[in-house]
């Protein structure tokens, strides 16, 4: 049922109650006449105030227009009610004060109703405006966190990669060229990904592939990685820079410090209405309790801002047994 229909039914019910109340007090020319005049006045007030609220812009002018519409509705309703009743204009003086009593009662109630309705609409609009501003500020905060996270990841990665290029130029120029090409592919994918407002799991996989290609050239056989992403999940929506910090953490803290290196597994699966993304390494694991660095804190903050309690990040590890980081988000 629409809000306009509910208000109309409420108006008709209110008119009926007023007619019954006045009849019980002995006012008017009987129940039928009171009901007719009450409905005419009440519906006239409803129509005139609704028109004023619809065609006058929000603000003080609309309130004034609604207030001015009330006596107009009362006057028109009185004329219509008396014209339609069997009292007629000849007997009008005898029932005039009764009709006026009905009109004044309905006018006061109508004025209060439309004033409160207008005030509620204004308050709702203000609340919605504040909510929109909050969401916009939150969005800007998320974008700033993303840029900060990217700034934290890239210097360490870029400096090491460029140092490797410089070291390989004379000794192994072919390998240096491969490393530089892989680095260019990564930077191109990274800029495209981080500047996008949205994205897909497939986009994140492309970025991670370029990232790991660079590290593979640097680490050689010490790094082995595999993607286990079902093709049907490639189009699943995924905000940028959620998986890469987990991969970067696994490399930096788990595999790079390990003399023999190790393996990395990036997997995805769907469970009902949820998407589960995992990054697993067989590196050094946690020496003690799992840490909570800036990168992981940023991921948790972004998950909370984007999905609320519907998303979470879980870290599990045994000493020397590697780490599994699992992202759980709405699909």
Protein backbone atom coordinates (compact mmCIF):
# COMPACT_ATOMS: atom_id res chain seq x y z
CA UNK A 1 0.00 0.00 0.00
CA UNK A 2 1.42 3.38 -1.05
CA UNK A 3 2.01 6.17 1.47
CA UNK A 4 -0.52 8.44 -0.30
CA UNK A 5 -3.23 5.79 -0.03
CA UNK A 6 -2.43 5.24 3.66
CA UNK A 7 -2.70 8.99 4.35
CA UNK A 8 -6.02 9.17 2.46
CA UNK A 9 -7.46 6.26 4.42
CA UNK A 10 -6.23 7.84 7.67
CA UNK A 11 -7.93 11.10 6.67
CA UNK A 12 -11.23 9.34 5.96
CA UNK A 13 -11.03 7.48 9.27
CA UNK A 14 -10.26 10.71 11.14
CA UNK A 15 -13.17 12.48 9.48
CA UNK A 16 -15.49 9.67 10.55
CA UNK A 17 -14.29 9.83 14.16
CA UNK A 18 -14.81 13.59 14.30
CA UNK A 19 -18.34 13.24 12.90
CA UNK A 20 -19.14 10.59 15.52
CA UNK A 21 -17.66 12.73 18.30
CA UNK A 22 -19.69 15.82 17.31
CA UNK A 23 -22.86 13.72 16.97
CA UNK A 24 -22.31 12.27 20.44
CA UNK A 25 -22.10 15.84 21.79
CA UNK A 26 -25.38 16.70 20.12
CA UNK A 27 -23.75 19.04 17.64
CA UNK A 28 -25.06 19.24 14.08
CA UNK A 29 -28.12 18.01 12.24
CA UNK A 30 -27.54 14.32 12.84
CA UNK A 31 -25.00 11.65 12.13
CA UNK A 32 -25.46 11.56 8.33
CA UNK A 33 -25.15 15.34 7.89
CA UNK A 34 -22.18 15.52 10.24
CA UNK A 35 -20.42 12.68 8.40
CA UNK A 36 -21.03 14.27 5.00
CA UNK A 37 -19.78 17.71 6.04
CA UNK A 38 -16.87 16.23 7.97
CA UNK A 39 -15.73 14.17 4.98
CA UNK A 40 -16.08 17.11 2.59
CA UNK A 41 -14.06 19.43 4.82
CA UNK A 42 -11.42 16.84 5.74
CA UNK A 43 -10.89 15.67 2.16
CA UNK A 44 -10.76 19.26 0.89
CA UNK A 45 -8.07 20.08 3.44
CA UNK A 46 -6.16 16.94 2.45
CA UNK A 47 -6.29 17.79 -1.28
CA UNK A 48 -5.39 21.48 -0.88
CA UNK A 49 -2.47 20.77 1.46
CA UNK A 50 -1.22 17.94 -0.75
CA UNK A 51 -1.25 20.20 -3.80
CA UNK A 52 0.59 22.91 -1.88
CA UNK A 53 3.20 20.41 -0.71
CA UNK A 54 3.64 18.99 -4.19
CA UNK A 55 3.98 22.15 -6.26
CA UNK A 56 5.91 24.38 -3.83
CA UNK A 57 9.63 23.76 -3.32
CA UNK A 58 10.93 22.58 0.04
CA UNK A 59 11.63 25.20 2.67
CA UNK A 60 9.73 27.95 4.50
CA UNK A 61 7.59 28.70 1.43
CA UNK A 62 6.19 25.20 1.40
CA UNK A 63 5.24 25.45 5.10
CA UNK A 64 3.50 28.80 4.45
CA UNK A 65 1.73 27.37 1.42
CA UNK A 66 0.42 24.42 3.45
CA UNK A 67 -0.75 26.73 6.26
CA UNK A 68 -2.55 28.94 3.72
CA UNK A 69 -4.09 25.86 2.08
CA UNK A 70 -5.90 24.84 5.28
CA UNK A 71 -8.51 27.67 5.39
CA UNK A 72 -8.97 27.27 1.65
CA UNK A 73 -9.79 23.62 2.20
CA UNK A 74 -12.12 24.45 5.10
CA UNK A 75 -14.07 27.03 3.05
CA UNK A 76 -14.39 24.80 0.00
CA UNK A 77 -15.35 21.80 2.13
CA UNK A 78 -18.05 23.79 3.94
CA UNK A 79 -19.58 24.98 0.69
CA UNK A 80 -19.45 21.50 -0.81
CA UNK A 81 -20.85 19.80 2.29
CA UNK A 82 -23.79 22.17 2.69
CA UNK A 83 -24.53 22.05 -1.04
CA UNK A 84 -24.64 18.25 -1.04
CA UNK A 85 -26.64 17.89 2.19
CA UNK A 86 -30.41 18.02 2.37
CA UNK A 87 -30.18 20.93 4.79
CA UNK A 88 -29.89 23.31 1.86
CA UNK A 89 -28.97 26.96 1.82
CA UNK A 90 -32.33 28.04 3.26
CA UNK A 91 -31.61 26.26 6.54
CA UNK A 92 -27.91 27.20 6.36
CA UNK A 93 -27.95 29.73 9.26
CA UNK A 94 -29.30 27.05 11.58
CA UNK A 95 -26.41 24.67 10.94
CA UNK A 96 -23.71 27.21 10.06
CA UNK A 97 -22.10 27.24 13.49
CA UNK A 98 -22.10 23.44 13.55
CA UNK A 99 -20.39 23.26 10.18
CA UNK A 100 -17.90 25.89 11.27
CA UNK A 101 -17.14 23.83 14.40
CA UNK A 102 -16.45 20.82 12.21
CA UNK A 103 -14.32 22.92 9.85
CA UNK A 104 -12.26 24.47 12.62
CA UNK A 105 -11.69 21.08 14.25
CA UNK A 106 -10.58 19.48 11.01
CA UNK A 107 -8.55 22.55 10.08
CA UNK A 108 -6.55 22.44 13.29
CA UNK A 109 -5.98 18.69 12.93
CA UNK A 110 -5.07 19.04 9.26
CA UNK A 111 -2.64 21.86 9.98
CA UNK A 112 -0.92 19.83 12.66
CA UNK A 113 -0.77 16.75 10.47
CA UNK A 114 0.74 18.47 7.47
CA UNK A 115 3.10 20.55 9.60
CA UNK A 116 4.44 17.42 11.28
CA UNK A 117 4.62 15.63 7.93
CA UNK A 118 6.59 18.49 6.40
CA UNK A 119 8.90 18.61 9.38
CA UNK A 120 9.49 14.87 9.21
CA UNK A 121 10.28 15.11 5.49
CA UNK A 122 12.77 17.90 6.16
CA UNK A 123 14.43 15.93 8.96
CA UNK A 124 14.58 12.81 6.77
CA UNK A 125 16.17 14.83 3.96
CA UNK A 126 18.74 16.25 6.37
CA UNK A 127 19.55 12.79 7.75
CA UNK A 128 19.94 11.45 4.20
CA UNK A 129 22.22 14.36 3.29
CA UNK A 130 24.42 13.70 6.30
CA UNK A 131 24.52 9.99 5.49
CA UNK A 132 25.55 10.75 1.90
CA UNK A 133 28.31 13.04 3.17
CA UNK A 134 29.49 10.35 5.59
CA UNK A 135 29.57 7.73 2.85
CA UNK A 136 31.46 10.08 0.56
CA UNK A 137 34.00 10.84 3.28
CA UNK A 138 34.32 7.11 3.98
CA UNK A 139 34.88 6.46 0.29
CA UNK A 140 37.62 9.09 0.15
CA UNK A 141 39.17 7.52 3.26
CA UNK A 142 39.19 4.10 1.61
CA UNK A 143 40.82 5.55 -1.50
CA UNK A 144 43.47 7.23 0.65
CA UNK A 145 44.12 3.94 2.47
CA UNK A 146 44.51 2.20 -0.88
CA UNK A 147 47.05 4.76 -2.07
CA UNK A 148 48.92 4.54 1.22
CA UNK A 149 48.98 0.75 1.01
CA UNK A 150 50.28 0.90 -2.54
CA UNK A 151 52.95 3.39 -1.46
CA UNK A 152 54.03 1.01 1.30
CA UNK A 153 54.29 -2.01 -1.00
CA UNK A 154 55.93 -0.50 -4.09
CA UNK A 155 59.13 1.12 -2.73
CA UNK A 156 60.47 -2.10 -1.18
CA UNK A 157 59.52 -4.11 -4.25
CA UNK A 158 60.70 -1.57 -6.82
CA UNK A 159 64.04 -0.82 -5.15
CA UNK A 160 64.91 -4.50 -4.91
CA UNK A 161 63.80 -5.15 -8.50
CA UNK A 162 65.74 -2.19 -9.91
CA UNK A 163 68.81 -3.18 -7.89
CA UNK A 164 68.56 -6.65 -9.46
CA UNK A 165 68.25 -5.14 -12.94
CA UNK A 166 71.35 -3.03 -12.34
CA UNK A 167 73.28 -6.06 -11.08
CA UNK A 168 72.25 -8.21 -14.06
CA UNK A 169 72.85 -5.69 -16.85
CA UNK A 170 76.53 -6.61 -17.28
CA UNK A 171 76.52 -10.19 -15.99
CA UNK A 172 73.30 -11.46 -17.60
CA UNK A 173 71.82 -8.80 -19.92
CA UNK A 174 69.17 -11.19 -21.27
CA UNK A 175 67.87 -11.93 -17.79
CA UNK A 176 68.04 -8.23 -16.94
CA UNK A 177 65.86 -7.49 -19.98
CA UNK A 178 63.33 -10.14 -18.92
CA UNK A 179 63.22 -8.69 -15.43
CA UNK A 180 62.71 -5.18 -16.76
CA UNK A 181 59.91 -6.34 -19.09
CA UNK A 182 58.18 -8.14 -16.21
CA UNK A 183 58.53 -5.06 -14.02
CA UNK A 184 56.96 -2.86 -16.71
CA UNK A 185 54.03 -5.29 -17.02
CA UNK A 186 53.54 -5.21 -13.28
CA UNK A 187 53.60 -1.39 -13.08
CA UNK A 188 51.12 -1.11 -15.94
CA UNK A 189 48.75 -3.60 -14.29
CA UNK A 190 49.21 -1.94 -10.89
CA UNK A 191 48.36 1.55 -12.13
CA UNK A 192 45.28 0.29 -13.96
CA UNK A 193 44.10 -1.73 -10.97
CA UNK A 194 44.58 0.84 -8.23
CA UNK A 195 42.96 3.65 -10.21
CA UNK A 196 39.83 1.60 -10.84
CA UNK A 197 36.88 2.03 -8.45
CA UNK A 198 35.94 -1.62 -8.80
CA UNK A 199 37.34 -4.68 -10.50
CA UNK A 200 37.17 -8.45 -10.63
CA UNK A 201 39.06 -11.41 -9.27
CA UNK A 202 40.47 -11.92 -12.78
CA UNK A 203 41.94 -8.39 -12.69
CA UNK A 204 43.63 -9.14 -9.37
CA UNK A 205 45.03 -12.42 -10.73
CA UNK A 206 46.54 -10.56 -13.71
CA UNK A 207 48.22 -8.11 -11.35
CA UNK A 208 49.53 -10.89 -9.10
CA UNK A 209 50.83 -12.84 -12.10
CA UNK A 210 52.92 -9.87 -13.22
CA UNK A 211 54.09 -9.32 -9.63
CA UNK A 212 55.14 -12.93 -9.15
CA UNK A 213 56.84 -13.05 -12.57
CA UNK A 214 59.18 -10.32 -11.37
CA UNK A 215 59.88 -12.15 -8.10
CA UNK A 216 60.37 -15.44 -9.94
CA UNK A 217 63.20 -13.92 -11.98
CA UNK A 218 64.73 -12.47 -8.82
CA UNK A 219 64.39 -15.59 -6.65
CA UNK A 220 64.73 -18.27 -9.31
CA UNK A 221 63.96 -21.79 -8.16
CA UNK A 222 63.50 -20.59 -4.60
CA UNK A 223 60.00 -19.43 -5.55
CA UNK A 224 57.26 -21.69 -6.84
CA UNK A 225 53.66 -20.56 -7.15
CA UNK A 226 50.33 -21.80 -8.45
CA UNK A 227 46.90 -20.24 -8.97
CA UNK A 228 43.83 -22.35 -8.27
CA UNK A 229 41.08 -20.04 -9.53
CA UNK A 230 38.01 -21.65 -11.17
CA UNK A 231 37.31 -19.92 -14.51
CA UNK A 232 33.73 -19.11 -13.48
CA UNK A 233 35.04 -17.00 -10.56
CA UNK A 234 37.23 -14.75 -12.71
CA UNK A 235 34.35 -12.30 -13.18
CA UNK A 236 33.53 -12.14 -9.45
CA UNK A 237 33.67 -8.53 -8.17
CA UNK A 238 36.71 -7.81 -6.00
CA UNK A 239 37.96 -4.42 -4.74
CA UNK A 240 41.59 -3.70 -5.68
CA UNK A 241 44.58 -4.38 -3.43
CA UNK A 242 43.05 -7.00 -1.16
CA UNK A 243 45.03 -10.04 -2.28
CA UNK A 244 48.38 -8.50 -3.20
CA UNK A 245 49.29 -7.39 0.36
CA UNK A 246 48.75 -10.98 1.49
CA UNK A 247 51.00 -12.31 -1.29
CA UNK A 248 53.62 -9.65 -0.51
CA UNK A 249 53.54 -10.61 3.18
CA UNK A 250 53.95 -14.30 2.34
CA UNK A 251 56.98 -13.56 0.16
CA UNK A 252 58.66 -11.06 2.47
CA UNK A 253 58.13 -12.78 5.82
CA UNK A 254 57.75 -16.42 4.84
CA UNK A 255 59.65 -17.35 1.68
CA UNK A 256 62.42 -14.79 1.14
CA UNK A 257 64.04 -15.35 4.58
CA UNK A 258 63.94 -19.13 4.05
CA UNK A 259 67.18 -20.39 2.51
CA UNK A 260 65.47 -23.02 0.38
CA UNK A 261 62.57 -20.73 -0.52
CA UNK A 262 59.22 -22.40 -0.91
CA UNK A 263 55.82 -22.60 -2.57
CA UNK A 264 52.92 -20.18 -2.77
CA UNK A 265 49.33 -21.11 -3.50
CA UNK A 266 46.59 -18.58 -4.35
CA UNK A 267 43.14 -20.17 -4.41
CA UNK A 268 39.49 -19.14 -4.59
CA UNK A 269 36.21 -20.93 -4.03
CA UNK A 270 32.58 -20.05 -3.54
CA UNK A 271 30.58 -21.27 -0.57
CA UNK A 272 26.95 -20.32 -0.94
CA UNK A 273 26.75 -16.53 -1.09
CA UNK A 274 30.35 -16.07 0.06
CA UNK A 275 33.67 -15.90 -1.77
CA UNK A 276 36.72 -17.37 -0.01
CA UNK A 277 40.20 -16.32 -1.18
CA UNK A 278 43.29 -17.90 0.35
CA UNK A 279 47.03 -17.28 0.13
CA UNK A 280 49.09 -20.20 1.50
CA UNK A 281 52.88 -20.48 1.80
CA UNK A 282 55.18 -23.09 3.31
CA UNK A 283 57.68 -20.55 4.58
CA UNK A 284 58.95 -19.84 8.06
CA UNK A 285 55.52 -19.19 9.55
CA UNK A 286 55.05 -17.10 12.68
CA UNK A 287 57.79 -17.21 15.27
CA UNK A 288 55.16 -16.49 17.90
CA UNK A 289 51.68 -14.98 17.78
CA UNK A 290 50.49 -13.68 14.39
CA UNK A 291 51.50 -10.09 13.80
CA UNK A 292 49.25 -7.28 12.67
CA UNK A 293 51.34 -5.01 10.46
CA UNK A 294 50.18 -1.88 8.69
CA UNK A 295 49.28 -3.78 5.52
CA UNK A 296 47.05 -6.25 7.36
CA UNK A 297 45.49 -3.47 9.43
CA UNK A 298 44.65 -1.59 6.23
CA UNK A 299 43.06 -4.70 4.74
CA UNK A 300 40.89 -5.20 7.83
CA UNK A 301 39.90 -1.51 7.85
CA UNK A 302 38.96 -1.65 4.16
CA UNK A 303 36.95 -4.84 4.66
CA UNK A 304 35.05 -3.22 7.53
CA UNK A 305 34.33 -0.09 5.48
CA UNK A 306 33.34 -1.98 2.32
CA UNK A 307 31.42 -4.92 3.75
CA UNK A 308 30.98 -4.32 7.48
CA UNK A 309 30.76 -7.48 9.61
CA UNK A 310 29.99 -9.56 6.49
CA UNK A 311 33.73 -9.86 5.64
CA UNK A 312 36.78 -10.99 7.59
CA UNK A 313 40.48 -11.81 7.31
CA UNK A 314 41.77 -14.94 9.05
CA UNK A 315 45.47 -15.84 9.56
CA UNK A 316 46.58 -19.33 10.60
CA UNK A 317 50.08 -20.68 11.06
CA UNK A 318 52.25 -23.17 12.91
CA UNK A 319 55.85 -22.40 13.82
CA UNK A 320 57.93 -23.20 10.75
CA UNK A 321 54.85 -24.51 8.94
CA UNK A 322 53.94 -21.57 6.75
CA UNK A 323 50.91 -19.28 6.86
CA UNK A 324 47.43 -19.42 5.39
CA UNK A 325 45.64 -16.08 5.01
CA UNK A 326 41.96 -16.35 4.13
CA UNK A 327 39.70 -13.54 2.95
CA UNK A 328 35.96 -14.14 3.28
CA UNK A 329 33.69 -11.62 1.53
CA UNK A 330 30.11 -11.58 0.18
CA UNK A 331 30.02 -13.04 -3.34
